[in-house]
Amino acid sequence: MTRTARLGRCGALVLTGVIGAWLGMATARAEDANKADIEALKKSLAKYEDYTAAIRDLYLSTVGCVHYSGEKIPGAMDYPEGAMGIHFVNVPSVGQELDPMRPNVLIYEPTEKGLHLVGVEWLVPLTPDTKEPPKLFGQVFQGPMEGHYPLIPKEFVHYDLHAWLFRDNPNGMFSPTNPNVKCSEAEFPMLEKPTKMMPGPM
């Protein structure tokens, strides 16, 4: 009886180790796949380093440079201090099927030498059919939240995911704000207050 029990515990330990190793390899494969997809995405977006190419492809500027002070406001989205830059939104793509290779928004930083492409964003409108937040590259979208007024109407309740593909972010590639991006050279109004967080889908 005792020997059988010991063999059982050994078997359980071996099985646990095998499962752990398998999960580790699966996670590594998923991370490698995400890295490959992200590199492919960066290459596909390289042409938009020239913002006039973005305009030709119907990415239209919201003009203002978005920056958050890091102030925590009850009932509002909690963003770390940093900028979201100037958004160029491809309006026809919003509400269409989510495409990891075609972000709805291109993010530019205003500098003395012009606009520099620093990141992208995907937008998913909240609809009655929404059951849970969308995901891309293993990341869960933030939201739902109101539109970033005054640049985007508050009535545009949505989920979003940022990716700082072209500018290092100490808070992580998928953080909503980037302290390395500045709005100091912008000649447009800046947004300081986080937009309101909406109740999630039921």
Protein backbone atom coordinates (compact mmCIF):
# COMPACT_ATOMS: atom_id res chain seq x y z
CA MET A 1 0.00 0.00 0.00
CA THR A 2 2.72 2.41 1.03
CA ARG A 3 4.91 1.66 -1.99
CA THR A 4 1.97 2.11 -4.37
CA ALA A 5 1.19 5.48 -2.82
CA ARG A 6 4.82 6.61 -3.24
CA LEU A 7 4.79 5.59 -6.91
CA GLY A 8 1.58 7.54 -7.33
CA ARG A 9 3.12 10.69 -5.90
CA CYS A 10 6.21 10.27 -8.10
CA GLY A 11 4.00 9.81 -11.14
CA ALA A 12 2.04 12.93 -10.25
CA LEU A 13 5.26 14.92 -9.91
CA VAL A 14 6.51 13.67 -13.28
CA LEU A 15 3.15 14.47 -14.90
CA THR A 16 3.15 17.95 -13.36
CA GLY A 17 6.66 18.54 -14.69
CA VAL A 18 5.68 17.37 -18.18
CA ILE A 19 2.57 19.59 -18.22
CA GLY A 20 4.59 22.56 -16.93
CA ALA A 21 7.23 22.08 -19.62
CA TRP A 22 4.54 21.76 -22.30
CA LEU A 23 2.78 24.94 -21.14
CA GLY A 24 6.13 26.76 -21.09
CA MET A 25 6.89 25.69 -24.67
CA ALA A 26 3.37 26.64 -25.78
CA THR A 27 3.75 30.09 -24.22
CA ALA A 28 7.16 30.56 -25.83
CA ARG A 29 5.73 29.56 -29.23
CA ALA A 30 2.86 32.04 -28.78
CA GLU A 31 5.29 34.83 -27.84
CA ASP A 32 7.49 34.02 -30.85
CA ALA A 33 4.43 34.07 -33.12
CA ASN A 34 3.39 37.46 -31.72
CA LYS A 35 6.92 38.83 -32.24
CA ALA A 36 6.91 37.65 -35.85
CA ASP A 37 3.48 39.19 -36.45
CA ILE A 38 4.57 42.47 -34.86
CA GLU A 39 7.70 42.63 -37.02
CA ALA A 40 5.59 41.98 -40.11
CA LEU A 41 3.19 44.72 -39.01
CA LYS A 42 6.05 47.20 -38.53
CA LYS A 43 7.35 46.50 -42.03
CA SER A 44 3.89 46.93 -43.55
CA LEU A 45 3.47 50.31 -41.85
CA ALA A 46 6.90 51.73 -42.73
CA LYS A 47 5.45 53.76 -45.62
CA TYR A 48 3.40 55.78 -43.12
CA GLU A 49 6.53 57.35 -41.69
CA ASP A 50 5.53 59.92 -44.30
CA TYR A 51 2.21 61.17 -42.93
CA THR A 52 1.09 62.28 -46.40
CA ALA A 53 0.98 58.57 -47.35
CA ALA A 54 -1.37 58.05 -44.42
CA ILE A 55 -3.64 60.84 -45.65
CA ARG A 56 -3.72 59.31 -49.15
CA ASP A 57 -4.90 56.05 -47.54
CA LEU A 58 -7.69 57.93 -45.73
CA TYR A 59 -6.04 58.23 -42.33
CA LEU A 60 -7.32 61.65 -41.29
CA SER A 61 -5.83 63.70 -38.46
CA THR A 62 -7.75 64.58 -35.29
CA VAL A 63 -5.28 67.54 -35.08
CA GLY A 64 -4.87 67.70 -31.27
CA CYS A 65 -1.94 66.08 -29.47
CA VAL A 66 -3.22 63.91 -26.61
CA HIS A 67 -1.35 64.03 -23.31
CA TYR A 68 -2.31 62.81 -19.83
CA SER A 69 -0.95 64.16 -16.56
CA GLY A 70 -1.33 60.85 -14.70
CA GLU A 71 -3.95 62.33 -12.36
CA LYS A 72 -6.35 59.68 -11.06
CA ILE A 73 -10.00 60.71 -11.52
CA PRO A 74 -12.84 58.58 -10.04
CA GLY A 75 -14.95 56.93 -12.74
CA ALA A 76 -12.43 57.72 -15.50
CA MET A 77 -9.86 55.64 -17.31
CA ASP A 78 -6.62 55.35 -15.32
CA TYR A 79 -3.78 56.30 -17.66
CA PRO A 80 -0.10 56.59 -16.65
CA GLU A 81 1.44 59.99 -17.29
CA GLY A 82 2.50 60.35 -20.88
CA ALA A 83 1.29 61.14 -24.38
CA MET A 84 -0.89 59.42 -26.96
CA GLY A 85 0.32 61.82 -29.64
CA ILE A 86 -1.62 63.01 -32.69
CA HIS A 87 -4.11 60.46 -34.00
CA PHE A 88 -4.71 59.80 -37.69
CA VAL A 89 -7.93 57.77 -37.89
CA ASN A 90 -9.00 55.61 -40.80
CA VAL A 91 -12.72 56.17 -40.30
CA PRO A 92 -13.98 53.65 -42.92
CA SER A 93 -12.18 50.82 -41.10
CA VAL A 94 -13.78 51.54 -37.70
CA GLY A 95 -16.50 48.99 -36.98
CA GLN A 96 -15.20 46.56 -39.60
CA GLU A 97 -13.75 43.16 -38.71
CA LEU A 98 -10.69 43.55 -36.47
CA ASP A 99 -7.53 43.26 -38.57
CA PRO A 100 -4.19 42.93 -36.72
CA MET A 101 -2.34 44.04 -39.85
CA ARG A 102 -4.43 47.17 -40.38
CA PRO A 103 -4.74 49.35 -37.27
CA ASN A 104 -7.53 51.94 -37.35
CA VAL A 105 -5.26 54.68 -35.99
CA LEU A 106 -1.71 55.84 -36.69
CA ILE A 107 -0.04 57.81 -33.89
CA TYR A 108 2.41 60.63 -34.63
CA GLU A 109 4.63 62.74 -32.40
CA PRO A 110 4.99 66.43 -33.33
CA THR A 111 8.63 67.54 -33.50
CA GLU A 112 10.58 70.51 -34.84
CA LYS A 113 11.25 68.44 -37.97
CA GLY A 114 7.64 67.40 -38.50
CA LEU A 115 5.44 64.46 -37.54
CA HIS A 116 7.13 61.17 -36.60
CA LEU A 117 5.26 57.86 -36.61
CA VAL A 118 5.55 56.36 -33.11
CA GLY A 119 2.67 53.90 -32.69
CA VAL A 120 -0.72 52.57 -33.71
CA GLU A 121 -4.10 51.87 -32.19
CA TRP A 122 -7.02 49.56 -32.87
CA LEU A 123 -10.57 50.74 -32.12
CA VAL A 124 -13.59 48.50 -31.58
CA PRO A 125 -16.97 50.21 -31.03
CA LEU A 126 -19.13 48.90 -28.20
CA THR A 127 -22.26 47.28 -29.64
CA PRO A 128 -25.15 45.27 -28.13
CA ASP A 129 -23.47 42.14 -29.53
CA THR A 130 -20.21 42.75 -27.62
CA LYS A 131 -19.82 40.00 -25.02
CA GLU A 132 -16.22 40.57 -23.89
CA PRO A 133 -13.24 42.81 -24.66
CA PRO A 134 -11.44 41.95 -27.90
CA LYS A 135 -7.84 40.68 -27.94
CA LEU A 136 -4.85 41.04 -30.25
CA PHE A 137 -1.27 39.81 -29.88
CA GLY A 138 -2.26 38.20 -26.56
CA GLN A 139 -3.38 41.60 -25.21
CA VAL A 140 -6.86 42.46 -23.90
CA PHE A 141 -8.25 45.78 -25.14
CA GLN A 142 -8.98 48.55 -22.63
CA GLY A 143 -12.52 49.78 -22.12
CA PRO A 144 -15.26 50.29 -22.80
CA MET A 145 -14.74 54.06 -22.64
CA GLU A 146 -16.15 57.25 -24.09
CA GLY A 147 -14.53 58.95 -27.05
CA HIS A 148 -11.55 61.22 -26.31
CA TYR A 149 -13.42 64.52 -26.35
CA PRO A 150 -12.98 67.10 -27.89
CA LEU A 151 -11.02 65.21 -30.56
CA ILE A 152 -13.45 62.28 -30.77
CA PRO A 153 -17.15 62.54 -29.78
CA LYS A 154 -17.92 61.22 -26.29
CA GLU A 155 -20.75 59.18 -27.80
CA PHE A 156 -18.20 56.94 -29.53
CA VAL A 157 -18.00 54.31 -26.77
CA HIS A 158 -15.29 51.83 -27.64
CA TYR A 159 -12.48 49.47 -26.70
CA ASP A 160 -8.93 50.23 -27.79
CA LEU A 161 -5.41 48.82 -27.84
CA HIS A 162 -2.25 50.87 -28.38
CA ALA A 163 1.06 49.50 -29.67
CA TRP A 164 4.19 51.66 -29.57
CA LEU A 165 5.90 49.99 -32.50
CA PHE A 166 8.28 52.79 -33.40
CA ARG A 167 9.15 54.36 -30.03
CA ASP A 168 10.36 52.53 -26.92
CA ASN A 169 7.95 52.76 -24.00
CA PRO A 170 9.19 52.14 -20.41
CA ASN A 171 5.61 51.18 -19.48
CA GLY A 172 5.50 48.45 -22.14
CA MET A 173 4.71 48.29 -25.84
CA PHE A 174 0.94 48.04 -25.24
CA SER A 175 0.59 50.72 -22.56
CA PRO A 176 -2.01 53.36 -23.57
CA THR A 177 0.40 56.26 -22.96
CA ASN A 178 4.10 56.73 -23.60
CA PRO A 179 6.23 59.10 -21.46
CA ASN A 180 8.88 59.12 -24.20
CA VAL A 181 6.42 60.79 -26.58
CA LYS A 182 5.98 64.56 -26.19
CA CYS A 183 3.37 67.08 -27.23
CA SER A 184 5.63 70.08 -26.57
CA GLU A 185 6.07 70.88 -30.27
CA ALA A 186 2.36 70.61 -31.05
CA GLU A 187 0.61 73.75 -32.25
CA PHE A 188 -2.75 72.29 -31.31
CA PRO A 189 -4.82 71.98 -28.09
CA MET A 190 -3.86 69.15 -25.75
CA LEU A 191 -6.21 66.81 -23.92
CA GLU A 192 -5.44 66.47 -20.19
CA LYS A 193 -8.45 64.69 -18.65
CA PRO A 194 -8.92 60.92 -19.13
CA THR A 195 -12.15 59.92 -20.83
CA LYS A 196 -14.80 58.25 -18.75
CA MET A 197 -14.83 54.49 -18.32
CA MET A 198 -18.15 52.91 -19.26
CA PRO A 199 -19.79 49.83 -17.68
CA GLY A 200 -18.60 46.63 -19.34
CA PRO A 201 -20.79 44.31 -21.44
CA MET A 202 -23.36 42.32 -19.53
